[in-house]
């Protein structure tokens, strides 16, 4: 599967604590759901077991929002820790 990151999504990776590889895995094997503006959302949980902004979390959830364009073009990402 072809997965590309829009420059906006790419610039948010470090800020939100995700990697490009995690985003690709989310699109390739995560739960798919309809999103606003005709986009498609993908969601996947990852074992984290680490610290993010001074607090410890066991799970990291990545949501990627994409459109189909020569495969999937990921427009933005959201990362949740719990």
Protein backbone atom coordinates (compact mmCIF):
# COMPACT_ATOMS: atom_id res chain seq x y z
CA UNK A 1 0.00 0.00 0.00
CA UNK A 2 1.28 3.44 -0.95
CA UNK A 3 1.18 5.91 1.99
CA UNK A 4 2.50 9.47 1.65
CA UNK A 5 2.67 12.20 4.29
CA UNK A 6 1.56 15.73 3.45
CA UNK A 7 4.11 18.34 4.61
CA UNK A 8 1.65 19.42 7.35
CA UNK A 9 1.45 15.86 8.73
CA UNK A 10 5.22 15.45 8.43
CA UNK A 11 5.85 18.64 10.41
CA UNK A 12 3.52 17.49 13.22
CA UNK A 13 5.21 14.12 13.83
CA UNK A 14 7.81 15.24 16.38
CA UNK A 15 5.47 17.80 17.97
CA UNK A 16 2.89 15.09 18.66
CA UNK A 17 5.25 12.22 19.44
CA UNK A 18 4.70 9.95 16.44
CA UNK A 19 6.95 8.48 13.77
CA UNK A 20 6.36 8.17 10.04
CA UNK A 21 6.56 4.39 10.43
CA UNK A 22 3.79 4.39 13.05
CA UNK A 23 1.58 6.52 10.79
CA UNK A 24 2.16 4.13 7.86
CA UNK A 25 1.30 1.13 10.06
CA UNK A 26 -1.84 2.93 11.24
CA UNK A 27 -3.02 3.43 7.66
CA UNK A 28 -2.02 -0.07 6.56
CA UNK A 29 -3.52 -2.06 9.43
CA UNK A 30 -5.54 0.24 11.66
CA UNK A 31 -9.28 0.63 12.07
CA UNK A 32 -10.77 2.67 9.22
CA UNK A 33 -13.64 5.13 9.76
CA UNK A 34 -15.34 7.96 7.83
CA UNK A 35 -14.20 11.48 8.69
CA UNK A 36 -15.33 15.01 7.86
CA UNK A 37 -14.93 16.59 4.43
CA UNK A 38 -14.89 13.24 2.59
CA UNK A 39 -11.70 12.11 4.28
CA UNK A 40 -10.94 8.73 5.78
CA UNK A 41 -9.68 8.26 9.30
CA UNK A 42 -7.42 5.46 10.49
CA UNK A 43 -6.86 4.57 14.15
CA UNK A 44 -4.41 2.19 15.79
CA UNK A 45 -3.10 1.65 19.33
CA UNK A 46 0.59 1.06 20.00
CA UNK A 47 2.27 -0.19 23.16
CA UNK A 48 4.09 2.85 24.50
CA UNK A 49 5.19 2.22 28.08
CA UNK A 50 7.02 5.52 28.28
CA UNK A 51 6.91 9.11 29.36
CA UNK A 52 5.32 11.94 27.38
CA UNK A 53 5.48 15.51 28.67
CA UNK A 54 6.30 14.46 32.21
CA UNK A 55 3.68 11.72 32.62
CA UNK A 56 3.90 7.98 32.10
CA UNK A 57 1.55 6.26 29.64
CA UNK A 58 1.19 2.64 28.58
CA UNK A 59 -0.62 3.17 25.27
CA UNK A 60 -0.23 5.58 22.37
CA UNK A 61 -3.14 5.91 19.91
CA UNK A 62 -2.55 7.41 16.50
CA UNK A 63 -5.32 8.77 14.31
CA UNK A 64 -4.38 9.61 10.73
CA UNK A 65 -6.72 11.50 8.41
CA UNK A 66 -6.15 10.90 4.72
CA UNK A 67 -7.51 11.13 1.18
CA UNK A 68 -6.96 8.69 -1.65
CA UNK A 69 -4.42 10.15 -4.05
CA UNK A 70 -2.02 7.67 -5.68
CA UNK A 71 -2.51 5.53 -2.57
CA UNK A 72 -3.20 7.38 0.69
CA UNK A 73 -2.11 10.95 1.36
CA UNK A 74 -2.09 11.56 5.12
CA UNK A 75 -3.11 15.17 5.74
CA UNK A 76 -2.80 15.33 9.52
CA UNK A 77 -2.36 13.17 12.59
CA UNK A 78 -3.60 13.18 16.17
CA UNK A 79 -1.83 11.30 18.95
CA UNK A 80 -3.50 10.37 22.23
CA UNK A 81 -1.79 8.87 25.25
CA UNK A 82 -3.49 6.79 27.94
